[in-house]
mmCIF file of all heavy atoms, coordinates in Angstrom:
data_MODEL
# 
_entry.id   MODEL 
# 
loop_
_atom_site.group_PDB 
_atom_site.id 
_atom_site.type_symbol 
_atom_site.label_atom_id 
_atom_site.label_alt_id 
_atom_site.label_comp_id 
_atom_site.label_asym_id 
_atom_site.label_entity_id 
_atom_site.label_seq_id 
_atom_site.pdbx_PDB_ins_code 
_atom_site.Cartn_x 
_atom_site.Cartn_y 
_atom_site.Cartn_z 
_atom_site.occupancy 
_atom_site.B_iso_or_equiv 
_atom_site.pdbx_formal_charge 
_atom_site.auth_seq_id 
_atom_site.auth_comp_id 
_atom_site.auth_asym_id 
_atom_site.auth_atom_id 
_atom_site.pdbx_PDB_model_num 
ATOM 1   N N   . PHE A 1 1  ? 0.939   1.069  16.061  1.00 0.00 ? 1  PHE A N   1 
ATOM 2   C CA  . PHE A 1 1  ? 0.248   -0.195 15.778  1.00 0.00 ? 1  PHE A CA  1 
ATOM 3   C C   . PHE A 1 1  ? 0.795   -0.829 14.509  1.00 0.00 ? 1  PHE A C   1 
ATOM 4   O O   . PHE A 1 1  ? 1.103   -2.025 14.474  1.00 0.00 ? 1  PHE A O   1 
ATOM 5   C CB  . PHE A 1 1  ? -1.250  0.051  15.649  1.00 0.00 ? 1  PHE A CB  1 
ATOM 6   C CG  . PHE A 1 1  ? -2.004  -1.102 15.039  1.00 0.00 ? 1  PHE A CG  1 
ATOM 7   C CD1 . PHE A 1 1  ? -2.350  -2.204 15.802  1.00 0.00 ? 1  PHE A CD1 1 
ATOM 8   C CD2 . PHE A 1 1  ? -2.372  -1.079 13.695  1.00 0.00 ? 1  PHE A CD2 1 
ATOM 9   C CE1 . PHE A 1 1  ? -3.045  -3.271 15.244  1.00 0.00 ? 1  PHE A CE1 1 
ATOM 10  C CE2 . PHE A 1 1  ? -3.059  -2.129 13.126  1.00 0.00 ? 1  PHE A CE2 1 
ATOM 11  C CZ  . PHE A 1 1  ? -3.399  -3.228 13.906  1.00 0.00 ? 1  PHE A CZ  1 
ATOM 12  N N   . LEU A 1 2  ? 0.935   -0.025 13.457  1.00 0.00 ? 2  LEU A N   1 
ATOM 13  C CA  . LEU A 1 2  ? 1.428   -0.558 12.186  1.00 0.00 ? 2  LEU A CA  1 
ATOM 14  C C   . LEU A 1 2  ? 2.856   -1.067 12.303  1.00 0.00 ? 2  LEU A C   1 
ATOM 15  O O   . LEU A 1 2  ? 3.233   -2.051 11.651  1.00 0.00 ? 2  LEU A O   1 
ATOM 16  C CB  . LEU A 1 2  ? 1.354   0.518  11.101  1.00 0.00 ? 2  LEU A CB  1 
ATOM 17  C CG  . LEU A 1 2  ? 0.014   0.738  10.390  1.00 0.00 ? 2  LEU A CG  1 
ATOM 18  C CD1 . LEU A 1 2  ? 0.171   1.784  9.310   1.00 0.00 ? 2  LEU A CD1 1 
ATOM 19  C CD2 . LEU A 1 2  ? -0.515  -0.558 9.816   1.00 0.00 ? 2  LEU A CD2 1 
ATOM 20  N N   . LEU A 1 3  ? 3.662   -0.411 13.108  1.00 0.00 ? 3  LEU A N   1 
ATOM 21  C CA  . LEU A 1 3  ? 5.066   -0.789 13.217  1.00 0.00 ? 3  LEU A CA  1 
ATOM 22  C C   . LEU A 1 3  ? 5.258   -2.189 13.797  1.00 0.00 ? 3  LEU A C   1 
ATOM 23  O O   . LEU A 1 3  ? 6.329   -2.776 13.661  1.00 0.00 ? 3  LEU A O   1 
ATOM 24  C CB  . LEU A 1 3  ? 5.812   0.238  14.075  1.00 0.00 ? 3  LEU A CB  1 
ATOM 25  C CG  . LEU A 1 3  ? 5.963   1.636  13.448  1.00 0.00 ? 3  LEU A CG  1 
ATOM 26  C CD1 . LEU A 1 3  ? 6.579   2.607  14.435  1.00 0.00 ? 3  LEU A CD1 1 
ATOM 27  C CD2 . LEU A 1 3  ? 6.792   1.568  12.172  1.00 0.00 ? 3  LEU A CD2 1 
ATOM 28  N N   . ASP A 1 4  ? 4.208   -2.725 14.411  1.00 0.00 ? 4  ASP A N   1 
ATOM 29  C CA  . ASP A 1 4  ? 4.286   -4.088 14.958  1.00 0.00 ? 4  ASP A CA  1 
ATOM 30  C C   . ASP A 1 4  ? 3.970   -5.147 13.903  1.00 0.00 ? 4  ASP A C   1 
ATOM 31  O O   . ASP A 1 4  ? 4.096   -6.343 14.179  1.00 0.00 ? 4  ASP A O   1 
ATOM 32  C CB  . ASP A 1 4  ? 3.320   -4.246 16.137  1.00 0.00 ? 4  ASP A CB  1 
ATOM 33  C CG  . ASP A 1 4  ? 3.764   -3.445 17.352  1.00 0.00 ? 4  ASP A CG  1 
ATOM 34  O OD1 . ASP A 1 4  ? 4.981   -3.233 17.491  1.00 0.00 ? 4  ASP A OD1 1 
ATOM 35  O OD2 . ASP A 1 4  ? 2.906   -3.021 18.135  1.00 0.00 ? 4  ASP A OD2 1 
ATOM 36  N N   . TYR A 1 5  ? 3.541   -4.716 12.711  1.00 0.00 ? 5  TYR A N   1 
ATOM 37  C CA  . TYR A 1 5  ? 3.133   -5.669 11.677  1.00 0.00 ? 5  TYR A CA  1 
ATOM 38  C C   . TYR A 1 5  ? 3.847   -5.327 10.372  1.00 0.00 ? 5  TYR A C   1 
ATOM 39  O O   . TYR A 1 5  ? 3.332   -4.581 9.536   1.00 0.00 ? 5  TYR A O   1 
ATOM 40  C CB  . TYR A 1 5  ? 1.618   -5.632 11.477  1.00 0.00 ? 5  TYR A CB  1 
ATOM 41  C CG  . TYR A 1 5  ? 0.846   -6.015 12.713  1.00 0.00 ? 5  TYR A CG  1 
ATOM 42  C CD1 . TYR A 1 5  ? 0.416   -5.030 13.612  1.00 0.00 ? 5  TYR A CD1 1 
ATOM 43  C CD2 . TYR A 1 5  ? 0.558   -7.343 13.007  1.00 0.00 ? 5  TYR A CD2 1 
ATOM 44  C CE1 . TYR A 1 5  ? -0.286  -5.375 14.759  1.00 0.00 ? 5  TYR A CE1 1 
ATOM 45  C CE2 . TYR A 1 5  ? -0.145  -7.694 14.150  1.00 0.00 ? 5  TYR A CE2 1 
ATOM 46  C CZ  . TYR A 1 5  ? -0.561  -6.703 15.018  1.00 0.00 ? 5  TYR A CZ  1 
ATOM 47  O OH  . TYR A 1 5  ? -1.257  -7.044 16.160  1.00 0.00 ? 5  TYR A OH  1 
ATOM 48  N N   . SER A 1 6  ? 5.028   -5.883 10.198  1.00 0.00 ? 6  SER A N   1 
ATOM 49  C CA  . SER A 1 6  ? 5.839   -5.581 9.011   1.00 0.00 ? 6  SER A CA  1 
ATOM 50  C C   . SER A 1 6  ? 5.148   -6.040 7.734   1.00 0.00 ? 6  SER A C   1 
ATOM 51  O O   . SER A 1 6  ? 5.232   -5.375 6.688   1.00 0.00 ? 6  SER A O   1 
ATOM 52  C CB  . SER A 1 6  ? 7.219   -6.222 9.128   1.00 0.00 ? 6  SER A CB  1 
ATOM 53  O OG  . SER A 1 6  ? 7.104   -7.624 9.311   1.00 0.00 ? 6  SER A OG  1 
ATOM 54  N N   . TRP A 1 7  ? 4.445   -7.159 7.796   1.00 0.00 ? 7  TRP A N   1 
ATOM 55  C CA  . TRP A 1 7  ? 3.771   -7.667 6.597   1.00 0.00 ? 7  TRP A CA  1 
ATOM 56  C C   . TRP A 1 7  ? 2.652   -6.736 6.156   1.00 0.00 ? 7  TRP A C   1 
ATOM 57  O O   . TRP A 1 7  ? 2.412   -6.560 4.956   1.00 0.00 ? 7  TRP A O   1 
ATOM 58  C CB  . TRP A 1 7  ? 3.217   -9.072 6.864   1.00 0.00 ? 7  TRP A CB  1 
ATOM 59  C CG  . TRP A 1 7  ? 2.163   -9.124 7.942   1.00 0.00 ? 7  TRP A CG  1 
ATOM 60  C CD1 . TRP A 1 7  ? 2.358   -9.323 9.270   1.00 0.00 ? 7  TRP A CD1 1 
ATOM 61  C CD2 . TRP A 1 7  ? 0.735   -8.943 7.761   1.00 0.00 ? 7  TRP A CD2 1 
ATOM 62  N NE1 . TRP A 1 7  ? 1.168   -9.297 9.955   1.00 0.00 ? 7  TRP A NE1 1 
ATOM 63  C CE2 . TRP A 1 7  ? 0.149   -9.077 9.041   1.00 0.00 ? 7  TRP A CE2 1 
ATOM 64  C CE3 . TRP A 1 7  ? -0.083  -8.715 6.660   1.00 0.00 ? 7  TRP A CE3 1 
ATOM 65  C CZ2 . TRP A 1 7  ? -1.217  -8.951 9.250   1.00 0.00 ? 7  TRP A CZ2 1 
ATOM 66  C CZ3 . TRP A 1 7  ? -1.444  -8.595 6.867   1.00 0.00 ? 7  TRP A CZ3 1 
ATOM 67  C CH2 . TRP A 1 7  ? -1.996  -8.715 8.145   1.00 0.00 ? 7  TRP A CH2 1 
ATOM 68  N N   . LEU A 1 8  ? 1.966   -6.114 7.131   1.00 0.00 ? 8  LEU A N   1 
ATOM 69  C CA  . LEU A 1 8  ? 0.881   -5.193 6.798   1.00 0.00 ? 8  LEU A CA  1 
ATOM 70  C C   . LEU A 1 8  ? 1.435   -3.922 6.156   1.00 0.00 ? 8  LEU A C   1 
ATOM 71  O O   . LEU A 1 8  ? 0.859   -3.405 5.189   1.00 0.00 ? 8  LEU A O   1 
ATOM 72  C CB  . LEU A 1 8  ? 0.081   -4.859 8.055   1.00 0.00 ? 8  LEU A CB  1 
ATOM 73  C CG  . LEU A 1 8  ? -1.134  -3.940 7.881   1.00 0.00 ? 8  LEU A CG  1 
ATOM 74  C CD1 . LEU A 1 8  ? -2.102  -4.501 6.843   1.00 0.00 ? 8  LEU A CD1 1 
ATOM 75  C CD2 . LEU A 1 8  ? -1.843  -3.735 9.222   1.00 0.00 ? 8  LEU A CD2 1 
ATOM 76  N N   . MET A 1 9  ? 2.542   -3.426 6.676   1.00 0.00 ? 9  MET A N   1 
ATOM 77  C CA  . MET A 1 9  ? 3.165   -2.240 6.076   1.00 0.00 ? 9  MET A CA  1 
ATOM 78  C C   . MET A 1 9  ? 3.651   -2.547 4.657   1.00 0.00 ? 9  MET A C   1 
ATOM 79  O O   . MET A 1 9  ? 3.583   -1.683 3.774   1.00 0.00 ? 9  MET A O   1 
ATOM 80  C CB  . MET A 1 9  ? 4.324   -1.746 6.953   1.00 0.00 ? 9  MET A CB  1 
ATOM 81  C CG  . MET A 1 9  ? 3.883   -1.093 8.247   1.00 0.00 ? 9  MET A CG  1 
ATOM 82  S SD  . MET A 1 9  ? 5.250   -0.328 9.148   1.00 0.00 ? 9  MET A SD  1 
ATOM 83  C CE  . MET A 1 9  ? 6.149   -1.785 9.677   1.00 0.00 ? 9  MET A CE  1 
ATOM 84  N N   . TRP A 1 10 ? 4.135   -3.765 4.450   1.00 0.00 ? 10 TRP A N   1 
ATOM 85  C CA  . TRP A 1 10 ? 4.566   -4.165 3.107   1.00 0.00 ? 10 TRP A CA  1 
ATOM 86  C C   . TRP A 1 10 ? 3.386   -4.151 2.142   1.00 0.00 ? 10 TRP A C   1 
ATOM 87  O O   . TRP A 1 10 ? 3.488   -3.648 1.023   1.00 0.00 ? 10 TRP A O   1 
ATOM 88  C CB  . TRP A 1 10 ? 5.196   -5.552 3.186   1.00 0.00 ? 10 TRP A CB  1 
ATOM 89  C CG  . TRP A 1 10 ? 5.806   -6.032 1.899   1.00 0.00 ? 10 TRP A CG  1 
ATOM 90  C CD1 . TRP A 1 10 ? 7.065   -5.813 1.462   1.00 0.00 ? 10 TRP A CD1 1 
ATOM 91  C CD2 . TRP A 1 10 ? 5.150   -6.823 0.884   1.00 0.00 ? 10 TRP A CD2 1 
ATOM 92  N NE1 . TRP A 1 10 ? 7.266   -6.406 0.236   1.00 0.00 ? 10 TRP A NE1 1 
ATOM 93  C CE2 . TRP A 1 10 ? 6.102   -7.039 -0.147  1.00 0.00 ? 10 TRP A CE2 1 
ATOM 94  C CE3 . TRP A 1 10 ? 3.882   -7.358 0.750   1.00 0.00 ? 10 TRP A CE3 1 
ATOM 95  C CZ2 . TRP A 1 10 ? 5.799   -7.763 -1.291  1.00 0.00 ? 10 TRP A CZ2 1 
ATOM 96  C CZ3 . TRP A 1 10 ? 3.578   -8.078 -0.397  1.00 0.00 ? 10 TRP A CZ3 1 
ATOM 97  C CH2 . TRP A 1 10 ? 4.528   -8.284 -1.393  1.00 0.00 ? 10 TRP A CH2 1 
ATOM 98  N N   . LEU A 1 11 ? 2.244   -4.683 2.571   1.00 0.00 ? 11 LEU A N   1 
ATOM 99  C CA  . LEU A 1 11 ? 1.047   -4.668 1.726   1.00 0.00 ? 11 LEU A CA  1 
ATOM 100 C C   . LEU A 1 11 ? 0.569   -3.240 1.464   1.00 0.00 ? 11 LEU A C   1 
ATOM 101 O O   . LEU A 1 11 ? 0.210   -2.890 0.323   1.00 0.00 ? 11 LEU A O   1 
ATOM 102 C CB  . LEU A 1 11 ? -0.073  -5.465 2.402   1.00 0.00 ? 11 LEU A CB  1 
ATOM 103 C CG  . LEU A 1 11 ? 0.051   -6.994 2.403   1.00 0.00 ? 11 LEU A CG  1 
ATOM 104 C CD1 . LEU A 1 11 ? -1.106  -7.615 3.186   1.00 0.00 ? 11 LEU A CD1 1 
ATOM 105 C CD2 . LEU A 1 11 ? 0.055   -7.533 0.964   1.00 0.00 ? 11 LEU A CD2 1 
ATOM 106 N N   . LEU A 1 12 ? 0.571   -2.409 2.493   1.00 0.00 ? 12 LEU A N   1 
ATOM 107 C CA  . LEU A 1 12 ? 0.131   -1.020 2.328   1.00 0.00 ? 12 LEU A CA  1 
ATOM 108 C C   . LEU A 1 12 ? 1.088   -0.240 1.431   1.00 0.00 ? 12 LEU A C   1 
ATOM 109 O O   . LEU A 1 12 ? 0.671   0.686  0.726   1.00 0.00 ? 12 LEU A O   1 
ATOM 110 C CB  . LEU A 1 12 ? 0.021   -0.342 3.693   1.00 0.00 ? 12 LEU A CB  1 
ATOM 111 C CG  . LEU A 1 12 ? -1.122  -0.838 4.588   1.00 0.00 ? 12 LEU A CG  1 
ATOM 112 C CD1 . LEU A 1 12 ? -1.050  -0.189 5.963   1.00 0.00 ? 12 LEU A CD1 1 
ATOM 113 C CD2 . LEU A 1 12 ? -2.479  -0.566 3.944   1.00 0.00 ? 12 LEU A CD2 1 
ATOM 114 N N   . ASN A 1 13 ? 2.355   -0.603 1.446   1.00 0.00 ? 13 ASN A N   1 
ATOM 115 C CA  . ASN A 1 13 ? 3.334   0.025  0.560   1.00 0.00 ? 13 ASN A CA  1 
ATOM 116 C C   . ASN A 1 13 ? 2.917   -0.143 -0.902  1.00 0.00 ? 13 ASN A C   1 
ATOM 117 O O   . ASN A 1 13 ? 2.838   0.833  -1.668  1.00 0.00 ? 13 ASN A O   1 
ATOM 118 C CB  . ASN A 1 13 ? 4.708   -0.602 0.798   1.00 0.00 ? 13 ASN A CB  1 
ATOM 119 C CG  . ASN A 1 13 ? 5.786   -0.043 -0.109  1.00 0.00 ? 13 ASN A CG  1 
ATOM 120 O OD1 . ASN A 1 13 ? 6.531   0.856  0.259   1.00 0.00 ? 13 ASN A OD1 1 
ATOM 121 N ND2 . ASN A 1 13 ? 5.915   -0.585 -1.313  1.00 0.00 ? 13 ASN A ND2 1 
ATOM 122 N N   . TYR A 1 14 ? 2.617   -1.376 -1.294  1.00 0.00 ? 14 TYR A N   1 
ATOM 123 C CA  . TYR A 1 14 ? 2.271   -1.629 -2.695  1.00 0.00 ? 14 TYR A CA  1 
ATOM 124 C C   . TYR A 1 14 ? 0.829   -1.225 -3.011  1.00 0.00 ? 14 TYR A C   1 
ATOM 125 O O   . TYR A 1 14 ? 0.516   -0.895 -4.165  1.00 0.00 ? 14 TYR A O   1 
ATOM 126 C CB  . TYR A 1 14 ? 2.543   -3.089 -3.040  1.00 0.00 ? 14 TYR A CB  1 
ATOM 127 C CG  . TYR A 1 14 ? 4.023   -3.376 -3.077  1.00 0.00 ? 14 TYR A CG  1 
ATOM 128 C CD1 . TYR A 1 14 ? 4.643   -4.084 -2.051  1.00 0.00 ? 14 TYR A CD1 1 
ATOM 129 C CD2 . TYR A 1 14 ? 4.807   -2.874 -4.107  1.00 0.00 ? 14 TYR A CD2 1 
ATOM 130 C CE1 . TYR A 1 14 ? 6.014   -4.312 -2.072  1.00 0.00 ? 14 TYR A CE1 1 
ATOM 131 C CE2 . TYR A 1 14 ? 6.174   -3.104 -4.141  1.00 0.00 ? 14 TYR A CE2 1 
ATOM 132 C CZ  . TYR A 1 14 ? 6.776   -3.815 -3.128  1.00 0.00 ? 14 TYR A CZ  1 
ATOM 133 O OH  . TYR A 1 14 ? 8.135   -4.023 -3.154  1.00 0.00 ? 14 TYR A OH  1 
ATOM 134 N N   . ALA A 1 15 ? -0.046  -1.218 -1.997  1.00 0.00 ? 15 ALA A N   1 
ATOM 135 C CA  . ALA A 1 15 ? -1.400  -0.695 -2.210  1.00 0.00 ? 15 ALA A CA  1 
ATOM 136 C C   . ALA A 1 15 ? -1.346  0.800  -2.505  1.00 0.00 ? 15 ALA A C   1 
ATOM 137 O O   . ALA A 1 15 ? -2.074  1.309  -3.376  1.00 0.00 ? 15 ALA A O   1 
ATOM 138 C CB  . ALA A 1 15 ? -2.263  -0.964 -0.977  1.00 0.00 ? 15 ALA A CB  1 
ATOM 139 N N   . THR A 1 16 ? -0.460  1.512  -1.805  1.00 0.00 ? 16 THR A N   1 
ATOM 140 C CA  . THR A 1 16 ? -0.285  2.949  -2.058  1.00 0.00 ? 16 THR A CA  1 
ATOM 141 C C   . THR A 1 16 ? 0.225   3.197  -3.469  1.00 0.00 ? 16 THR A C   1 
ATOM 142 O O   . THR A 1 16 ? -0.272  4.082  -4.185  1.00 0.00 ? 16 THR A O   1 
ATOM 143 C CB  . THR A 1 16 ? 0.698   3.545  -1.035  1.00 0.00 ? 16 THR A CB  1 
ATOM 144 O OG1 . THR A 1 16 ? 0.171   3.375  0.284   1.00 0.00 ? 16 THR A OG1 1 
ATOM 145 C CG2 . THR A 1 16 ? 0.923   5.024  -1.300  1.00 0.00 ? 16 THR A CG2 1 
ATOM 146 N N   . LEU A 1 17 ? 1.209   2.413  -3.901  1.00 0.00 ? 17 LEU A N   1 
ATOM 147 C CA  . LEU A 1 17 ? 1.720   2.562  -5.265  1.00 0.00 ? 17 LEU A CA  1 
ATOM 148 C C   . LEU A 1 17 ? 0.643   2.270  -6.301  1.00 0.00 ? 17 LEU A C   1 
ATOM 149 O O   . LEU A 1 17 ? 0.550   2.955  -7.331  1.00 0.00 ? 17 LEU A O   1 
ATOM 150 C CB  . LEU A 1 17 ? 2.916   1.626  -5.479  1.00 0.00 ? 17 LEU A CB  1 
ATOM 151 C CG  . LEU A 1 17 ? 4.191   1.931  -4.677  1.00 0.00 ? 17 LEU A CG  1 
ATOM 152 C CD1 . LEU A 1 17 ? 5.280   0.932  -5.027  1.00 0.00 ? 17 LEU A CD1 1 
ATOM 153 C CD2 . LEU A 1 17 ? 4.666   3.350  -4.935  1.00 0.00 ? 17 LEU A CD2 1 
ATOM 154 N N   . PHE A 1 18 ? -0.197  1.274  -6.034  1.00 0.00 ? 18 PHE A N   1 
ATOM 155 C CA  . PHE A 1 18 ? -1.273  0.940  -6.972  1.00 0.00 ? 18 PHE A CA  1 
ATOM 156 C C   . PHE A 1 18 ? -2.273  2.084  -7.070  1.00 0.00 ? 18 PHE A C   1 
ATOM 157 O O   . PHE A 1 18 ? -2.710  2.454  -8.177  1.00 0.00 ? 18 PHE A O   1 
ATOM 158 C CB  . PHE A 1 18 ? -1.976  -0.344 -6.516  1.00 0.00 ? 18 PHE A CB  1 
ATOM 159 C CG  . PHE A 1 18 ? -3.134  -0.735 -7.387  1.00 0.00 ? 18 PHE A CG  1 
ATOM 160 C CD1 . PHE A 1 18 ? -2.938  -1.263 -8.652  1.00 0.00 ? 18 PHE A CD1 1 
ATOM 161 C CD2 . PHE A 1 18 ? -4.442  -0.550 -6.943  1.00 0.00 ? 18 PHE A CD2 1 
ATOM 162 C CE1 . PHE A 1 18 ? -4.008  -1.604 -9.465  1.00 0.00 ? 18 PHE A CE1 1 
ATOM 163 C CE2 . PHE A 1 18 ? -5.519  -0.894 -7.743  1.00 0.00 ? 18 PHE A CE2 1 
ATOM 164 C CZ  . PHE A 1 18 ? -5.306  -1.420 -9.007  1.00 0.00 ? 18 PHE A CZ  1 
ATOM 165 N N   . LEU A 1 19 ? -2.630  2.661  -5.928  1.00 0.00 ? 19 LEU A N   1 
ATOM 166 C CA  . LEU A 1 19 ? -3.577  3.777  -5.927  1.00 0.00 ? 19 LEU A CA  1 
ATOM 167 C C   . LEU A 1 19 ? -3.020  4.988  -6.660  1.00 0.00 ? 19 LEU A C   1 
ATOM 168 O O   . LEU A 1 19 ? -3.724  5.644  -7.431  1.00 0.00 ? 19 LEU A O   1 
ATOM 169 C CB  . LEU A 1 19 ? -3.916  4.165  -4.490  1.00 0.00 ? 19 LEU A CB  1 
ATOM 170 C CG  . LEU A 1 19 ? -4.900  3.260  -3.741  1.00 0.00 ? 19 LEU A CG  1 
ATOM 171 C CD1 . LEU A 1 19 ? -4.859  3.546  -2.251  1.00 0.00 ? 19 LEU A CD1 1 
ATOM 172 C CD2 . LEU A 1 19 ? -6.309  3.471  -4.261  1.00 0.00 ? 19 LEU A CD2 1 
ATOM 173 N N   . GLU A 1 20 ? -1.745  5.292  -6.424  1.00 0.00 ? 20 GLU A N   1 
ATOM 174 C CA  . GLU A 1 20 ? -1.175  6.514  -6.979  1.00 0.00 ? 20 GLU A CA  1 
ATOM 175 C C   . GLU A 1 20 ? -0.716  6.366  -8.430  1.00 0.00 ? 20 GLU A C   1 
ATOM 176 O O   . GLU A 1 20 ? -0.637  7.366  -9.152  1.00 0.00 ? 20 GLU A O   1 
ATOM 177 C CB  . GLU A 1 20 ? -0.001  6.963  -6.113  1.00 0.00 ? 20 GLU A CB  1 
ATOM 178 C CG  . GLU A 1 20 ? -0.428  7.426  -4.731  1.00 0.00 ? 20 GLU A CG  1 
ATOM 179 C CD  . GLU A 1 20 ? 0.719   7.933  -3.881  1.00 0.00 ? 20 GLU A CD  1 
ATOM 180 O OE1 . GLU A 1 20 ? 1.899   7.688  -4.248  1.00 0.00 ? 20 GLU A OE1 1 
ATOM 181 O OE2 . GLU A 1 20 ? 0.452   8.574  -2.857  1.00 0.00 ? 20 GLU A OE2 1 
ATOM 182 N N   . ARG A 1 21 ? -0.443  5.153  -8.858  1.00 0.00 ? 21 ARG A N   1 
ATOM 183 C CA  . ARG A 1 21 ? 0.076   4.983  -10.215 1.00 0.00 ? 21 ARG A CA  1 
ATOM 184 C C   . ARG A 1 21 ? -0.926  4.412  -11.213 1.00 0.00 ? 21 ARG A C   1 
ATOM 185 O O   . ARG A 1 21 ? -0.803  4.670  -12.415 1.00 0.00 ? 21 ARG A O   1 
ATOM 186 C CB  . ARG A 1 21 ? 1.310   4.068  -10.183 1.00 0.00 ? 21 ARG A CB  1 
ATOM 187 C CG  . ARG A 1 21 ? 2.503   4.663  -9.476  1.00 0.00 ? 21 ARG A CG  1 
ATOM 188 C CD  . ARG A 1 21 ? 3.671   3.694  -9.454  1.00 0.00 ? 21 ARG A CD  1 
ATOM 189 N NE  . ARG A 1 21 ? 4.840   4.247  -8.778  1.00 0.00 ? 21 ARG A NE  1 
ATOM 190 C CZ  . ARG A 1 21 ? 5.964   3.579  -8.549  1.00 0.00 ? 21 ARG A CZ  1 
ATOM 191 N NH1 . ARG A 1 21 ? 6.066   2.314  -8.958  1.00 0.00 ? 21 ARG A NH1 1 
ATOM 192 N NH2 . ARG A 1 21 ? 6.970   4.151  -7.932  1.00 0.00 ? 21 ARG A NH2 1 
ATOM 193 N N   . PHE A 1 22 ? -1.902  3.659  -10.733 1.00 0.00 ? 22 PHE A N   1 
ATOM 194 C CA  . PHE A 1 22 ? -2.749  2.920  -11.679 1.00 0.00 ? 22 PHE A CA  1 
ATOM 195 C C   . PHE A 1 22 ? -4.253  3.125  -11.490 1.00 0.00 ? 22 PHE A C   1 
ATOM 196 O O   . PHE A 1 22 ? -4.966  3.259  -12.481 1.00 0.00 ? 22 PHE A O   1 
ATOM 197 C CB  . PHE A 1 22 ? -2.434  1.418  -11.588 1.00 0.00 ? 22 PHE A CB  1 
ATOM 198 C CG  . PHE A 1 22 ? -1.000  1.079  -11.839 1.00 0.00 ? 22 PHE A CG  1 
ATOM 199 C CD1 . PHE A 1 22 ? -0.173  0.670  -10.801 1.00 0.00 ? 22 PHE A CD1 1 
ATOM 200 C CD2 . PHE A 1 22 ? -0.456  1.194  -13.108 1.00 0.00 ? 22 PHE A CD2 1 
ATOM 201 C CE1 . PHE A 1 22 ? 1.152   0.358  -11.023 1.00 0.00 ? 22 PHE A CE1 1 
ATOM 202 C CE2 . PHE A 1 22 ? 0.880   0.887  -13.349 1.00 0.00 ? 22 PHE A CE2 1 
ATOM 203 C CZ  . PHE A 1 22 ? 1.682   0.468  -12.304 1.00 0.00 ? 22 PHE A CZ  1 
ATOM 204 N N   . LEU A 1 23 ? -4.738  3.139  -10.277 1.00 0.00 ? 23 LEU A N   1 
ATOM 205 C CA  . LEU A 1 23 ? -6.187  3.088  -10.075 1.00 0.00 ? 23 LEU A CA  1 
ATOM 206 C C   . LEU A 1 23 ? -6.907  4.288  -10.666 1.00 0.00 ? 23 LEU A C   1 
ATOM 207 O O   . LEU A 1 23 ? -8.037  4.167  -11.148 1.00 0.00 ? 23 LEU A O   1 
ATOM 208 C CB  . LEU A 1 23 ? -6.507  2.959  -8.580  1.00 0.00 ? 23 LEU A CB  1 
ATOM 209 C CG  . LEU A 1 23 ? -7.972  2.654  -8.242  1.00 0.00 ? 23 LEU A CG  1 
ATOM 210 C CD1 . LEU A 1 23 ? -8.426  1.350  -8.901  1.00 0.00 ? 23 LEU A CD1 1 
ATOM 211 C CD2 . LEU A 1 23 ? -8.184  2.588  -6.730  1.00 0.00 ? 23 LEU A CD2 1 
ATOM 212 N N   . TRP A 1 24 ? -6.259  5.463  -10.652 1.00 0.00 ? 24 TRP A N   1 
ATOM 213 C CA  . TRP A 1 24 ? -6.906  6.661  -11.176 1.00 0.00 ? 24 TRP A CA  1 
ATOM 214 C C   . TRP A 1 24 ? -7.213  6.558  -12.677 1.00 0.00 ? 24 TRP A C   1 
ATOM 215 O O   . TRP A 1 24 ? -8.007  7.346  -13.209 1.00 0.00 ? 24 TRP A O   1 
ATOM 216 C CB  . TRP A 1 24 ? -6.051  7.902  -10.905 1.00 0.00 ? 24 TRP A CB  1 
ATOM 217 C CG  . TRP A 1 24 ? -4.632  7.802  -11.349 1.00 0.00 ? 24 TRP A CG  1 
ATOM 218 C CD1 . TRP A 1 24 ? -3.552  7.483  -10.578 1.00 0.00 ? 24 TRP A CD1 1 
ATOM 219 C CD2 . TRP A 1 24 ? -4.112  8.018  -12.682 1.00 0.00 ? 24 TRP A CD2 1 
ATOM 220 N NE1 . TRP A 1 24 ? -2.391  7.489  -11.324 1.00 0.00 ? 24 TRP A NE1 1 
ATOM 221 C CE2 . TRP A 1 24 ? -2.716  7.814  -12.618 1.00 0.00 ? 24 TRP A CE2 1 
ATOM 222 C CE3 . TRP A 1 24 ? -4.696  8.373  -13.897 1.00 0.00 ? 24 TRP A CE3 1 
ATOM 223 C CZ2 . TRP A 1 24 ? -1.886  7.949  -13.738 1.00 0.00 ? 24 TRP A CZ2 1 
ATOM 224 C CZ3 . TRP A 1 24 ? -3.879  8.506  -15.010 1.00 0.00 ? 24 TRP A CZ3 1 
ATOM 225 C CH2 . TRP A 1 24 ? -2.504  8.286  -14.925 1.00 0.00 ? 24 TRP A CH2 1 
ATOM 226 N N   . TRP A 1 25 ? -6.593  5.581  -13.357 1.00 0.00 ? 25 TRP A N   1 
ATOM 227 C CA  . TRP A 1 25 ? -6.918  5.381  -14.777 1.00 0.00 ? 25 TRP A CA  1 
ATOM 228 C C   . TRP A 1 25 ? -8.409  5.075  -14.962 1.00 0.00 ? 25 TRP A C   1 
ATOM 229 O O   . TRP A 1 25 ? -8.945  5.257  -16.058 1.00 0.00 ? 25 TRP A O   1 
ATOM 230 C CB  . TRP A 1 25 ? -6.074  4.244  -15.351 1.00 0.00 ? 25 TRP A CB  1 
ATOM 231 C CG  . TRP A 1 25 ? -4.664  4.638  -15.661 1.00 0.00 ? 25 TRP A CG  1 
ATOM 232 C CD1 . TRP A 1 25 ? -3.581  4.518  -14.848 1.00 0.00 ? 25 TRP A CD1 1 
ATOM 233 C CD2 . TRP A 1 25 ? -4.188  5.236  -16.878 1.00 0.00 ? 25 TRP A CD2 1 
ATOM 234 N NE1 . TRP A 1 25 ? -2.451  4.995  -15.466 1.00 0.00 ? 25 TRP A NE1 1 
ATOM 235 C CE2 . TRP A 1 25 ? -2.790  5.436  -16.721 1.00 0.00 ? 25 TRP A CE2 1 
ATOM 236 C CE3 . TRP A 1 25 ? -4.785  5.611  -18.076 1.00 0.00 ? 25 TRP A CE3 1 
ATOM 237 C CZ2 . TRP A 1 25 ? -2.000  6.001  -17.720 1.00 0.00 ? 25 TRP A CZ2 1 
ATOM 238 C CZ3 . TRP A 1 25 ? -3.993  6.169  -19.078 1.00 0.00 ? 25 TRP A CZ3 1 
ATOM 239 C CH2 . TRP A 1 25 ? -2.625  6.354  -18.893 1.00 0.00 ? 25 TRP A CH2 1 
ATOM 240 N N   . GLY A 1 26 ? -9.055  4.616  -13.903 1.00 0.00 ? 26 GLY A N   1 
ATOM 241 C CA  . GLY A 1 26 ? -10.491 4.356  -13.987 1.00 0.00 ? 26 GLY A CA  1 
ATOM 242 C C   . GLY A 1 26 ? -11.307 5.588  -14.319 1.00 0.00 ? 26 GLY A C   1 
ATOM 243 O O   . GLY A 1 26 ? -12.417 5.479  -14.866 1.00 0.00 ? 26 GLY A O   1 
# 
C-alpha cells in the first residue's frame, strides 16, 4: 500500500527521523 504513495513514504521518512533524533528530548 505504501509503495503506491511516494509522497507518503517521503513524509514518513522525515517523521521517523524526527521521532528518533528529536522528539525524545521531551
